[in-house]
Amino acid sequence: MTDFEELSGAPAADSPVLKLASDVRGEIAKAIIGQDDTVQLMLVALLSRGHVLLEGVPGTAKTFLAQCFAASVGLQYGRIQFTPDLLPGDLLGTNIYDFKTSKFSLVKGPIFTDLLLADEINRTPPKTQAALLEAMQERQISIDGKPFDLGEHFMVIATQNPIEQQGTYPLPEAQLDRFLFKHVLSYPSRDEEIAIVKRHGARMGTADPKALGIRSVATKKALSAARAHVEGVRLTDDVTHYIVDLVRGTRNNPLFETGTSPRAAAMIAAAARAVAALDGRDYVIPDDVKAIALPGLRHRAVLSPAAEIEGRTSDEVLRQIVEQTAAPR
């Protein structure tokens, strides 16, 4: 028997996490074919209060998936399309002077919501991208020096096209570090693409999730209960040390110019708890950490110029670090 088997108990069949995840997956499947790994990461982020960055070429259903996810989890949903001429005030809002009352009144921007879809976030300059920094970290924003709370359920799902494409701006490192995951969407398999054409090939454009039968299957109360359950998942000292060793391994590797931050270790720990809960366990095992190591670290570590010249990728180096870091038994 391993140390982790000693922690095991009966699977929590009545877990609020398992019910919420099952219901949400069922609703999303009404419209989305495949992308199971993407939905899993979005659920992990939702349960661990993280933000998600989805990257993929146009037409891989990044925006539609985010819309379906928002429609199923029962949170207030807002969307903003990032464009080159977008200003911070267009996102946050601004104080407008009312001549009738001789007072300033706040016109709220689209950021005042629970789940914000930041669509094509890398098509706007860094100045506007940076307007999200405070919101993503502290779940509040400041307008003219006055703070405004965005609520405990505030979450950002951002989409971006690969930075090699025209009209894109790399995201600032400080903002990338605030995303729990960066997930790269791949093309569907041949069978999945055939199913997509059969289901959605009768019309142009994207249907409203509600028109496809997607309904809200969660409440804020149920989400709070699921998050409380996740926070109670046990993280042993051995697994904690393993997470820290993985993160520190990116700083000691000469192929990375800049390693990952201490914030990354804390975020990975919270996300690993959610992965365990979604698997019906009340304790974290090393495989939970390994499952989220790539999406949790790939956007935080910066390759050295020498590694880029050699044609290395962050994912490749991170896989080596995961393989070389001793995991607890």
C-alpha atoms as a PDB file:
ATOM      1  CA  MET A   1       0.000   0.000   0.000  1.00  0.00           C
ATOM      2  CA  THR A   2       1.323   3.452  -0.931  1.00  0.00           C
ATOM      3  CA  ASP A   3       1.201   6.498   1.315  1.00  0.00           C
ATOM      4  CA  PHE A   4      -1.649   7.923  -0.758  1.00  0.00           C
ATOM      5  CA  GLU A   5      -3.707   4.735  -0.630  1.00  0.00           C
ATOM      6  CA  GLU A   6      -3.662   5.069   3.141  1.00  0.00           C
ATOM      7  CA  LEU A   7      -5.529   8.358   2.734  1.00  0.00           C
ATOM      8  CA  SER A   8      -8.223   6.894   0.534  1.00  0.00           C
ATOM      9  CA  GLY A   9     -11.820   6.476   1.530  1.00  0.00           C
ATOM     10  CA  ALA A  10     -15.075   5.770  -0.268  1.00  0.00           C
ATOM     11  CA  PRO A  11     -15.616   8.011  -3.328  1.00  0.00           C
ATOM     12  CA  ALA A  12     -17.822  10.970  -2.492  1.00  0.00           C
ATOM     13  CA  ALA A  13     -20.807  10.083  -4.663  1.00  0.00           C
ATOM     14  CA  ASP A  14     -22.811  12.970  -3.225  1.00  0.00           C
ATOM     15  CA  SER A  15     -19.979  15.458  -3.672  1.00  0.00           C
ATOM     16  CA  PRO A  16     -21.224  18.898  -4.760  1.00  0.00           C
ATOM     17  CA  VAL A  17     -18.201  19.047  -7.059  1.00  0.00           C
ATOM     18  CA  LEU A  18     -19.072  15.866  -8.951  1.00  0.00           C
ATOM     19  CA  LYS A  19     -22.697  16.887  -9.406  1.00  0.00           C
ATOM     20  CA  LEU A  20     -21.824  20.371 -10.649  1.00  0.00           C
ATOM     21  CA  ALA A  21     -19.191  19.027 -13.049  1.00  0.00           C
ATOM     22  CA  SER A  22     -21.454  16.303 -14.424  1.00  0.00           C
ATOM     23  CA  ASP A  23     -24.308  18.744 -15.016  1.00  0.00           C
ATOM     24  CA  VAL A  24     -22.089  21.348 -16.687  1.00  0.00           C
ATOM     25  CA  ARG A  25     -20.405  18.779 -18.948  1.00  0.00           C
ATOM     26  CA  GLY A  26     -23.813  17.478 -19.995  1.00  0.00           C
ATOM     27  CA  GLU A  27     -25.032  20.920 -21.000  1.00  0.00           C
ATOM     28  CA  ILE A  28     -21.879  21.845 -22.914  1.00  0.00           C
ATOM     29  CA  ALA A  29     -22.006  18.541 -24.822  1.00  0.00           C
ATOM     30  CA  LYS A  30     -25.296  19.700 -26.376  1.00  0.00           C
ATOM     31  CA  ALA A  31     -23.321  22.182 -28.473  1.00  0.00           C
ATOM     32  CA  ILE A  32     -19.615  21.329 -28.285  1.00  0.00           C
ATOM     33  CA  ILE A  33     -18.156  18.168 -29.756  1.00  0.00           C
ATOM     34  CA  GLY A  34     -14.881  17.041 -28.204  1.00  0.00           C
ATOM     35  CA  GLN A  35     -12.748  19.541 -26.229  1.00  0.00           C
ATOM     36  CA  ASP A  36     -13.092  17.410 -23.082  1.00  0.00           C
ATOM     37  CA  ASP A  37      -9.652  18.527 -21.872  1.00  0.00           C
ATOM     38  CA  THR A  38     -10.617  22.179 -22.322  1.00  0.00           C
ATOM     39  CA  VAL A  39     -13.841  21.774 -20.354  1.00  0.00           C
ATOM     40  CA  GLN A  40     -11.929  19.965 -17.604  1.00  0.00           C
ATOM     41  CA  LEU A  41      -9.469  22.850 -17.225  1.00  0.00           C
ATOM     42  CA  MET A  42     -12.284  25.407 -17.218  1.00  0.00           C
ATOM     43  CA  LEU A  43     -14.019  23.481 -14.438  1.00  0.00           C
ATOM     44  CA  VAL A  44     -10.773  23.294 -12.457  1.00  0.00           C
ATOM     45  CA  ALA A  45     -10.327  27.051 -12.841  1.00  0.00           C
ATOM     46  CA  LEU A  46     -13.918  27.738 -11.827  1.00  0.00           C
ATOM     47  CA  LEU A  47     -13.594  25.617  -8.681  1.00  0.00           C
ATOM     48  CA  SER A  48     -10.212  27.044  -7.689  1.00  0.00           C
ATOM     49  CA  ARG A  49     -11.097  30.676  -8.484  1.00  0.00           C
ATOM     50  CA  GLY A  50      -8.661  30.944 -11.379  1.00  0.00           C
ATOM     51  CA  HIS A  51      -8.679  32.495 -14.834  1.00  0.00           C
ATOM     52  CA  VAL A  52      -8.157  30.741 -18.165  1.00  0.00           C
ATOM     53  CA  LEU A  53      -6.424  31.820 -21.361  1.00  0.00           C
ATOM     54  CA  LEU A  54      -7.480  29.858 -24.444  1.00  0.00           C
ATOM     55  CA  GLU A  55      -5.191  30.017 -27.463  1.00  0.00           C
ATOM     56  CA  GLY A  56      -5.942  28.647 -30.891  1.00  0.00           C
ATOM     57  CA  VAL A  57      -6.281  29.531 -34.533  1.00  0.00           C
ATOM     58  CA  PRO A  58      -9.584  31.116 -35.628  1.00  0.00           C
ATOM     59  CA  GLY A  59     -12.476  28.703 -35.985  1.00  0.00           C
ATOM     60  CA  THR A  60     -11.598  26.285 -33.161  1.00  0.00           C
ATOM     61  CA  ALA A  61     -14.670  27.305 -31.088  1.00  0.00           C
ATOM     62  CA  LYS A  62     -12.801  29.229 -28.383  1.00  0.00           C
ATOM     63  CA  THR A  63     -15.460  31.908 -28.050  1.00  0.00           C
ATOM     64  CA  PHE A  64     -18.400  29.539 -28.490  1.00  0.00           C
ATOM     65  CA  LEU A  65     -17.061  27.187 -25.829  1.00  0.00           C
ATOM     66  CA  ALA A  66     -16.696  30.074 -23.378  1.00  0.00           C
ATOM     67  CA  GLN A  67     -20.274  31.168 -24.132  1.00  0.00           C
ATOM     68  CA  CYS A  68     -21.626  27.659 -23.550  1.00  0.00           C
ATOM     69  CA  PHE A  69     -19.664  27.328 -20.325  1.00  0.00           C
ATOM     70  CA  ALA A  70     -21.006  30.634 -19.024  1.00  0.00           C
ATOM     71  CA  ALA A  71     -24.569  29.692 -19.980  1.00  0.00           C
ATOM     72  CA  SER A  72     -24.348  26.430 -18.025  1.00  0.00           C
ATOM     73  CA  VAL A  73     -22.775  27.605 -14.747  1.00  0.00           C
ATOM     74  CA  GLY A  74     -25.428  30.172 -13.844  1.00  0.00           C
ATOM     75  CA  LEU A  75     -23.160  33.206 -13.515  1.00  0.00           C
ATOM     76  CA  GLN A  76     -23.769  36.670 -14.877  1.00  0.00           C
ATOM     77  CA  TYR A  77     -21.994  36.809 -18.208  1.00  0.00           C
ATOM     78  CA  GLY A  78     -20.327  39.671 -20.017  1.00  0.00           C
ATOM     79  CA  ARG A  79     -18.237  39.892 -23.147  1.00  0.00           C
ATOM     80  CA  ILE A  80     -15.906  42.453 -24.601  1.00  0.00           C
ATOM     81  CA  GLN A  81     -14.274  42.245 -28.008  1.00  0.00           C
ATOM     82  CA  PHE A  82     -10.718  43.495 -27.745  1.00  0.00           C
ATOM     83  CA  THR A  83      -9.686  45.707 -30.673  1.00  0.00           C
ATOM     84  CA  PRO A  84      -6.619  47.865 -31.416  1.00  0.00           C
ATOM     85  CA  ASP A  85      -8.477  51.077 -30.562  1.00  0.00           C
ATOM     86  CA  LEU A  86      -9.967  49.862 -27.265  1.00  0.00           C
ATOM     87  CA  LEU A  87      -9.211  52.086 -24.259  1.00  0.00           C
ATOM     88  CA  PRO A  88      -9.063  51.109 -20.560  1.00  0.00           C
ATOM     89  CA  GLY A  89     -12.204  53.148 -19.911  1.00  0.00           C
ATOM     90  CA  ASP A  90     -14.097  51.100 -22.484  1.00  0.00           C
ATOM     91  CA  LEU A  91     -13.427  48.053 -20.314  1.00  0.00           C
ATOM     92  CA  LEU A  92     -13.691  49.461 -16.802  1.00  0.00           C
ATOM     93  CA  GLY A  93     -16.183  52.285 -17.225  1.00  0.00           C
ATOM     94  CA  THR A  94     -15.865  55.971 -16.483  1.00  0.00           C
ATOM     95  CA  ASN A  95     -17.321  58.786 -14.402  1.00  0.00           C
ATOM     96  CA  ILE A  96     -19.593  61.072 -16.408  1.00  0.00           C
ATOM     97  CA  TYR A  97     -20.529  64.552 -15.213  1.00  0.00           C
ATOM     98  CA  ASP A  98     -24.278  65.080 -14.955  1.00  0.00           C
ATOM     99  CA  PHE A  99     -25.107  68.746 -15.497  1.00  0.00           C
ATOM    100  CA  LYS A 100     -28.584  68.328 -13.993  1.00  0.00           C
ATOM    101  CA  THR A 101     -27.315  67.079 -10.636  1.00  0.00           C
ATOM    102  CA  SER A 102     -23.858  68.709 -10.840  1.00  0.00           C
ATOM    103  CA  LYS A 103     -22.371  65.358  -9.829  1.00  0.00           C
ATOM    104  CA  PHE A 104     -20.299  62.632 -11.436  1.00  0.00           C
ATOM    105  CA  SER A 105     -21.986  59.271 -11.936  1.00  0.00           C
ATOM    106  CA  LEU A 106     -20.312  56.012 -12.850  1.00  0.00           C
ATOM    107  CA  VAL A 107     -21.138  54.380 -16.161  1.00  0.00           C
ATOM    108  CA  LYS A 108     -20.010  50.804 -15.563  1.00  0.00           C
ATOM    109  CA  GLY A 109     -18.032  48.947 -18.179  1.00  0.00           C
ATOM    110  CA  PRO A 110     -18.478  45.305 -19.207  1.00  0.00           C
ATOM    111  CA  ILE A 111     -16.000  44.173 -16.549  1.00  0.00           C
ATOM    112  CA  PHE A 112     -18.790  44.477 -13.961  1.00  0.00           C
ATOM    113  CA  THR A 113     -19.966  40.897 -14.296  1.00  0.00           C
ATOM    114  CA  ASP A 114     -19.256  37.437 -12.866  1.00  0.00           C
ATOM    115  CA  LEU A 115     -17.775  35.684 -15.878  1.00  0.00           C
ATOM    116  CA  LEU A 116     -16.033  37.947 -18.362  1.00  0.00           C
ATOM    117  CA  LEU A 117     -15.184  36.700 -21.836  1.00  0.00           C
ATOM    118  CA  ALA A 118     -12.183  38.731 -22.990  1.00  0.00           C
ATOM    119  CA  ASP A 119     -12.369  37.837 -26.659  1.00  0.00           C
ATOM    120  CA  GLU A 120      -9.161  38.072 -28.705  1.00  0.00           C
ATOM    121  CA  ILE A 121      -7.410  39.730 -25.801  1.00  0.00           C
ATOM    122  CA  ASN A 122      -4.109  40.034 -27.664  1.00  0.00           C
ATOM    123  CA  ARG A 123      -5.593  42.252 -30.367  1.00  0.00           C
ATOM    124  CA  THR A 124      -5.510  45.297 -28.087  1.00  0.00           C
ATOM    125  CA  PRO A 125      -2.358  47.180 -26.972  1.00  0.00           C
ATOM    126  CA  PRO A 126      -0.698  46.366 -23.610  1.00  0.00           C
ATOM    127  CA  LYS A 127      -2.055  49.573 -22.040  1.00  0.00           C
ATOM    128  CA  THR A 128      -5.608  48.251 -22.289  1.00  0.00           C
ATOM    129  CA  GLN A 129      -4.600  44.684 -21.489  1.00  0.00           C
ATOM    130  CA  ALA A 130      -3.086  45.967 -18.240  1.00  0.00           C
ATOM    131  CA  ALA A 131      -6.478  47.298 -17.157  1.00  0.00           C
ATOM    132  CA  LEU A 132      -7.295  43.711 -16.159  1.00  0.00           C
ATOM    133  CA  LEU A 133      -4.355  43.313 -13.751  1.00  0.00           C
ATOM    134  CA  GLU A 134      -6.075  44.537 -10.594  1.00  0.00           C
ATOM    135  CA  ALA A 135      -9.348  42.841 -11.467  1.00  0.00           C
ATOM    136  CA  MET A 136      -7.764  39.429 -12.024  1.00  0.00           C
ATOM    137  CA  GLN A 137      -5.662  39.523  -8.867  1.00  0.00           C
ATOM    138  CA  GLU A 138      -7.875  41.327  -6.346  1.00  0.00           C
ATOM    139  CA  ARG A 139     -11.319  41.017  -7.944  1.00  0.00           C
ATOM    140  CA  GLN A 140     -11.754  44.741  -7.769  1.00  0.00           C
ATOM    141  CA  ILE A 141     -10.994  47.715  -9.967  1.00  0.00           C
ATOM    142  CA  SER A 142     -10.162  51.349  -9.267  1.00  0.00           C
ATOM    143  CA  ILE A 143     -11.726  54.251 -11.134  1.00  0.00           C
ATOM    144  CA  ASP A 144     -10.485  57.744 -10.267  1.00  0.00           C
ATOM    145  CA  GLY A 145      -8.913  56.306  -7.125  1.00  0.00           C
ATOM    146  CA  LYS A 146     -12.106  54.682  -5.846  1.00  0.00           C
ATOM    147  CA  PRO A 147     -12.222  50.868  -5.530  1.00  0.00           C
ATOM    148  CA  PHE A 148     -15.165  48.851  -6.843  1.00  0.00           C
ATOM    149  CA  ASP A 149     -15.690  45.238  -5.809  1.00  0.00           C
ATOM    150  CA  LEU A 150     -16.349  42.727  -8.607  1.00  0.00           C
ATOM    151  CA  GLY A 151     -17.584  39.929  -6.342  1.00  0.00           C
ATOM    152  CA  GLU A 152     -16.155  36.581  -5.270  1.00  0.00           C
ATOM    153  CA  HIS A 153     -17.304  34.811  -8.442  1.00  0.00           C
ATOM    154  CA  PHE A 154     -15.463  37.084 -10.872  1.00  0.00           C
ATOM    155  CA  MET A 155     -13.626  35.003 -13.484  1.00  0.00           C
ATOM    156  CA  VAL A 156     -11.938  35.818 -16.784  1.00  0.00           C
ATOM    157  CA  ILE A 157     -11.945  33.469 -19.745  1.00  0.00           C
ATOM    158  CA  ALA A 158      -9.759  35.068 -22.383  1.00  0.00           C
ATOM    159  CA  THR A 159      -9.194  33.933 -25.943  1.00  0.00           C
ATOM    160  CA  GLN A 160      -6.279  34.793 -28.154  1.00  0.00           C
ATOM    161  CA  ASN A 161      -4.919  33.921 -31.552  1.00  0.00           C
ATOM    162  CA  PRO A 162      -1.302  32.722 -31.810  1.00  0.00           C
ATOM    163  CA  ILE A 163       1.065  35.675 -31.484  1.00  0.00           C
ATOM    164  CA  GLU A 164       2.594  34.911 -34.872  1.00  0.00           C
ATOM    165  CA  GLN A 165      -0.598  36.104 -36.568  1.00  0.00           C
ATOM    166  CA  GLN A 166      -1.035  39.649 -37.853  1.00  0.00           C
ATOM    167  CA  GLY A 167      -2.459  42.361 -35.627  1.00  0.00           C
ATOM    168  CA  THR A 168      -1.604  40.776 -32.281  1.00  0.00           C
ATOM    169  CA  TYR A 169       0.292  42.036 -29.225  1.00  0.00           C
ATOM    170  CA  PRO A 170       2.076  39.743 -26.751  1.00  0.00           C
ATOM    171  CA  LEU A 171       0.462  39.834 -23.311  1.00  0.00           C
ATOM    172  CA  PRO A 172       2.550  41.434 -20.534  1.00  0.00           C
ATOM    173  CA  GLU A 173       4.287  38.895 -18.280  1.00  0.00           C
ATOM    174  CA  ALA A 174       2.497  40.312 -15.228  1.00  0.00           C
ATOM    175  CA  GLN A 175      -0.855  39.595 -16.824  1.00  0.00           C
ATOM    176  CA  LEU A 176       0.098  36.133 -18.049  1.00  0.00           C
ATOM    177  CA  ASP A 177       1.122  35.247 -14.494  1.00  0.00           C
ATOM    178  CA  ARG A 178      -2.407  35.996 -13.294  1.00  0.00           C
ATOM    179  CA  PHE A 179      -3.907  33.300 -15.504  1.00  0.00           C
ATOM    180  CA  LEU A 180      -4.145  29.924 -13.824  1.00  0.00           C
ATOM    181  CA  PHE A 181      -3.999  28.102 -17.167  1.00  0.00           C
ATOM    182  CA  LYS A 182      -2.961  28.758 -20.722  1.00  0.00           C
ATOM    183  CA  HIS A 183      -4.576  26.054 -22.810  1.00  0.00           C
ATOM    184  CA  VAL A 184      -3.754  25.551 -26.480  1.00  0.00           C
ATOM    185  CA  LEU A 185      -6.710  24.216 -28.442  1.00  0.00           C
ATOM    186  CA  SER A 186      -5.888  21.698 -31.122  1.00  0.00           C
ATOM    187  CA  TYR A 187      -7.804  20.843 -34.272  1.00  0.00           C
ATOM    188  CA  PRO A 188     -10.548  18.234 -33.811  1.00  0.00           C
ATOM    189  CA  SER A 189     -10.076  14.666 -34.968  1.00  0.00           C
ATOM    190  CA  ARG A 190     -11.548  13.636 -38.314  1.00  0.00           C
ATOM    191  CA  ASP A 191     -14.554  11.950 -36.669  1.00  0.00           C
ATOM    192  CA  GLU A 192     -15.149  14.961 -34.437  1.00  0.00           C
ATOM    193  CA  GLU A 193     -14.974  17.323 -37.403  1.00  0.00           C
ATOM    194  CA  ILE A 194     -17.510  15.218 -39.303  1.00  0.00           C
ATOM    195  CA  ALA A 195     -19.832  15.381 -36.282  1.00  0.00           C
ATOM    196  CA  ILE A 196     -19.338  19.168 -36.071  1.00  0.00           C
ATOM    197  CA  VAL A 197     -20.333  19.610 -39.711  1.00  0.00           C
ATOM    198  CA  LYS A 198     -23.406  17.420 -39.247  1.00  0.00           C
ATOM    199  CA  ARG A 199     -24.534  19.344 -36.168  1.00  0.00           C
ATOM    200  CA  HIS A 200     -23.670  22.908 -37.163  1.00  0.00           C
ATOM    201  CA  GLY A 201     -23.339  22.775 -40.948  1.00  0.00           C
ATOM    202  CA  ALA A 202     -26.915  23.845 -41.696  1.00  0.00           C
ATOM    203  CA  ARG A 203     -26.378  27.506 -40.846  1.00  0.00           C
ATOM    204  CA  MET A 204     -23.799  30.252 -41.026  1.00  0.00           C
ATOM    205  CA  GLY A 205     -22.456  31.786 -37.868  1.00  0.00           C
ATOM    206  CA  THR A 206     -22.739  30.586 -34.285  1.00  0.00           C
ATOM    207  CA  ALA A 207     -26.043  29.774 -32.639  1.00  0.00           C
ATOM    208  CA  ASP A 208     -27.096  31.171 -29.276  1.00  0.00           C
ATOM    209  CA  PRO A 209     -26.337  28.538 -26.596  1.00  0.00           C
ATOM    210  CA  LYS A 210     -29.906  28.861 -25.344  1.00  0.00           C
ATOM    211  CA  ALA A 211     -31.207  28.051 -28.821  1.00  0.00           C
ATOM    212  CA  LEU A 212     -29.258  24.799 -28.623  1.00  0.00           C
ATOM    213  CA  GLY A 213     -30.944  23.869 -25.356  1.00  0.00           C
ATOM    214  CA  ILE A 214     -28.138  24.832 -22.992  1.00  0.00           C
ATOM    215  CA  ARG A 215     -29.544  25.936 -19.654  1.00  0.00           C
ATOM    216  CA  SER A 216     -28.111  26.996 -16.332  1.00  0.00           C
ATOM    217  CA  VAL A 217     -27.577  23.917 -14.158  1.00  0.00           C
ATOM    218  CA  ALA A 218     -25.775  25.582 -11.244  1.00  0.00           C
ATOM    219  CA  THR A 219     -26.449  28.337  -8.767  1.00  0.00           C
ATOM    220  CA  LYS A 220     -24.066  30.626  -6.938  1.00  0.00           C
ATOM    221  CA  LYS A 221     -24.939  28.784  -3.740  1.00  0.00           C
ATOM    222  CA  ALA A 222     -24.055  25.424  -5.318  1.00  0.00           C
ATOM    223  CA  LEU A 223     -20.826  26.874  -6.700  1.00  0.00           C
ATOM    224  CA  SER A 224     -19.846  28.229  -3.288  1.00  0.00           C
ATOM    225  CA  ALA A 225     -20.511  24.803  -1.752  1.00  0.00           C
ATOM    226  CA  ALA A 226     -18.379  23.107  -4.415  1.00  0.00           C
ATOM    227  CA  ARG A 227     -15.536  25.560  -3.847  1.00  0.00           C
ATOM    228  CA  ALA A 228     -15.693  25.026  -0.088  1.00  0.00           C
ATOM    229  CA  HIS A 229     -15.459  21.277  -0.718  1.00  0.00           C
ATOM    230  CA  VAL A 230     -12.372  21.801  -2.922  1.00  0.00           C
ATOM    231  CA  GLU A 231     -10.673  23.944  -0.288  1.00  0.00           C
ATOM    232  CA  GLY A 232     -11.068  21.044   2.160  1.00  0.00           C
ATOM    233  CA  VAL A 233      -9.189  18.581  -0.071  1.00  0.00           C
ATOM    234  CA  ARG A 234      -6.019  17.407   1.684  1.00  0.00           C
ATOM    235  CA  LEU A 235      -2.591  18.339   0.376  1.00  0.00           C
ATOM    236  CA  THR A 236       0.187  16.401   2.096  1.00  0.00           C
ATOM    237  CA  ASP A 237       3.608  17.881   2.799  1.00  0.00           C
ATOM    238  CA  ASP A 238       5.176  15.507   0.267  1.00  0.00           C
ATOM    239  CA  VAL A 239       2.946  16.763  -2.550  1.00  0.00           C
ATOM    240  CA  THR A 240       3.473  20.370  -1.457  1.00  0.00           C
ATOM    241  CA  HIS A 241       7.237  19.850  -1.685  1.00  0.00           C
ATOM    242  CA  TYR A 242       6.753  18.256  -5.116  1.00  0.00           C
ATOM    243  CA  ILE A 243       4.853  21.300  -6.408  1.00  0.00           C
ATOM    244  CA  VAL A 244       7.546  23.654  -5.126  1.00  0.00           C
ATOM    245  CA  ASP A 245      10.308  21.520  -6.649  1.00  0.00           C
ATOM    246  CA  LEU A 246       8.575  21.618 -10.054  1.00  0.00           C
ATOM    247  CA  VAL A 247       8.244  25.383  -9.937  1.00  0.00           C
ATOM    248  CA  ARG A 248      11.797  25.894  -8.744  1.00  0.00           C
ATOM    249  CA  GLY A 249      12.994  23.542 -11.468  1.00  0.00           C
ATOM    250  CA  THR A 250      11.990  26.132 -14.072  1.00  0.00           C
ATOM    251  CA  ARG A 251      14.248  28.703 -12.385  1.00  0.00           C
ATOM    252  CA  ASN A 252      17.260  26.419 -12.282  1.00  0.00           C
ATOM    253  CA  ASN A 253      17.006  25.314 -15.909  1.00  0.00           C
ATOM    254  CA  PRO A 254      19.407  27.193 -18.237  1.00  0.00           C
ATOM    255  CA  LEU A 255      16.931  26.849 -21.124  1.00  0.00           C
ATOM    256  CA  PHE A 256      14.611  29.295 -19.350  1.00  0.00           C
ATOM    257  CA  GLU A 257      15.606  32.937 -19.143  1.00  0.00           C
ATOM    258  CA  THR A 258      12.940  33.543 -16.496  1.00  0.00           C
ATOM    259  CA  GLY A 259      11.409  30.806 -14.367  1.00  0.00           C
ATOM    260  CA  THR A 260       7.940  30.662 -12.890  1.00  0.00           C
ATOM    261  CA  SER A 261       6.850  32.734  -9.901  1.00  0.00           C
ATOM    262  CA  PRO A 262       5.920  31.725  -6.346  1.00  0.00           C
ATOM    263  CA  ARG A 263       2.354  32.630  -7.334  1.00  0.00           C
ATOM    264  CA  ALA A 264       2.492  29.715  -9.761  1.00  0.00           C
ATOM    265  CA  ALA A 265       3.130  27.225  -6.946  1.00  0.00           C
ATOM    266  CA  ALA A 266       0.183  28.509  -4.921  1.00  0.00           C
ATOM    267  CA  MET A 267      -2.106  28.417  -7.955  1.00  0.00           C
ATOM    268  CA  ILE A 268      -1.004  24.891  -8.911  1.00  0.00           C
ATOM    269  CA  ALA A 269      -1.724  23.717  -5.365  1.00  0.00           C
ATOM    270  CA  ALA A 270      -5.249  25.148  -5.458  1.00  0.00           C
ATOM    271  CA  ALA A 271      -5.889  23.710  -8.916  1.00  0.00           C
ATOM    272  CA  ALA A 272      -4.576  20.269  -7.903  1.00  0.00           C
ATOM    273  CA  ARG A 273      -7.159  20.197  -5.124  1.00  0.00           C
ATOM    274  CA  ALA A 274      -9.872  20.820  -7.713  1.00  0.00           C
ATOM    275  CA  VAL A 275      -8.493  18.059  -9.962  1.00  0.00           C
ATOM    276  CA  ALA A 276      -8.633  15.628  -7.038  1.00  0.00           C
ATOM    277  CA  ALA A 277     -12.204  16.633  -6.170  1.00  0.00           C
ATOM    278  CA  LEU A 278     -13.272  16.188  -9.793  1.00  0.00           C
ATOM    279  CA  ASP A 279     -11.835  12.662  -9.593  1.00  0.00           C
ATOM    280  CA  GLY A 280     -13.901  11.928  -6.480  1.00  0.00           C
ATOM    281  CA  ARG A 281     -11.029  12.104  -3.989  1.00  0.00           C
ATOM    282  CA  ASP A 282     -10.506  14.226  -0.902  1.00  0.00           C
ATOM    283  CA  TYR A 283      -6.706  14.163  -1.172  1.00  0.00           C
ATOM    284  CA  VAL A 284      -4.191  15.199  -3.841  1.00  0.00           C
ATOM    285  CA  ILE A 285      -1.823  12.771  -5.536  1.00  0.00           C
ATOM    286  CA  PRO A 286       1.208  13.619  -7.710  1.00  0.00           C
ATOM    287  CA  ASP A 287      -0.702  12.705 -10.875  1.00  0.00           C
ATOM    288  CA  ASP A 288      -3.130  15.565 -10.142  1.00  0.00           C
ATOM    289  CA  VAL A 289      -0.187  17.966 -10.253  1.00  0.00           C
ATOM    290  CA  LYS A 290       1.259  16.404 -13.397  1.00  0.00           C
ATOM    291  CA  ALA A 291      -2.118  16.713 -15.150  1.00  0.00           C
ATOM    292  CA  ILE A 292      -2.039  20.507 -14.890  1.00  0.00           C
ATOM    293  CA  ALA A 293       1.707  21.172 -14.982  1.00  0.00           C
ATOM    294  CA  LEU A 294       1.862  22.152 -18.663  1.00  0.00           C
ATOM    295  CA  PRO A 295      -1.187  24.449 -18.854  1.00  0.00           C
ATOM    296  CA  GLY A 296      -0.301  25.839 -15.427  1.00  0.00           C
ATOM    297  CA  LEU A 297       3.316  26.724 -16.199  1.00  0.00           C
ATOM    298  CA  ARG A 298       3.768  27.139 -19.981  1.00  0.00           C
ATOM    299  CA  HIS A 299       2.793  30.824 -20.004  1.00  0.00           C
ATOM    300  CA  ARG A 300       4.931  31.818 -17.019  1.00  0.00           C
ATOM    301  CA  ALA A 301       8.375  30.535 -18.016  1.00  0.00           C
ATOM    302  CA  VAL A 302      10.320  32.493 -20.662  1.00  0.00           C
ATOM    303  CA  LEU A 303      12.697  30.602 -22.936  1.00  0.00           C
ATOM    304  CA  SER A 304      16.266  31.827 -23.222  1.00  0.00           C
ATOM    305  CA  PRO A 305      17.405  33.230 -26.608  1.00  0.00           C
ATOM    306  CA  ALA A 306      19.742  30.257 -27.014  1.00  0.00           C
ATOM    307  CA  ALA A 307      16.860  27.806 -26.531  1.00  0.00           C
ATOM    308  CA  GLU A 308      14.749  29.673 -29.078  1.00  0.00           C
ATOM    309  CA  ILE A 309      17.576  29.549 -31.616  1.00  0.00           C
ATOM    310  CA  GLU A 310      17.793  25.796 -31.050  1.00  0.00           C
ATOM    311  CA  GLY A 311      14.076  25.536 -31.803  1.00  0.00           C
ATOM    312  CA  ARG A 312      13.116  24.399 -28.307  1.00  0.00           C
ATOM    313  CA  THR A 313       9.630  25.049 -26.922  1.00  0.00           C
ATOM    314  CA  SER A 314       8.433  25.772 -23.399  1.00  0.00           C
ATOM    315  CA  ASP A 315       6.276  22.654 -23.437  1.00  0.00           C
ATOM    316  CA  GLU A 316       9.236  20.486 -24.377  1.00  0.00           C
ATOM    317  CA  VAL A 317      11.423  21.851 -21.582  1.00  0.00           C
ATOM    318  CA  LEU A 318       8.605  21.650 -19.046  1.00  0.00           C
ATOM    319  CA  ARG A 319       7.964  17.999 -19.902  1.00  0.00           C
ATOM    320  CA  GLN A 320      11.637  17.293 -19.212  1.00  0.00           C
ATOM    321  CA  ILE A 321      11.423  19.063 -15.858  1.00  0.00           C
ATOM    322  CA  VAL A 322       8.329  17.055 -14.892  1.00  0.00           C
ATOM    323  CA  GLU A 323      10.085  13.806 -15.869  1.00  0.00           C
ATOM    324  CA  GLN A 324      13.247  14.701 -13.957  1.00  0.00           C
ATOM    325  CA  THR A 325      11.547  15.925 -10.774  1.00  0.00           C
ATOM    326  CA  ALA A 326      11.137  13.119  -8.264  1.00  0.00           C
ATOM    327  CA  ALA A 327       7.504  12.591  -7.312  1.00  0.00           C
ATOM    328  CA  PRO A 328       6.499  11.239  -3.884  1.00  0.00           C
ATOM    329  CA  ARG A 329       5.357   7.632  -3.779  1.00  0.00           C
END
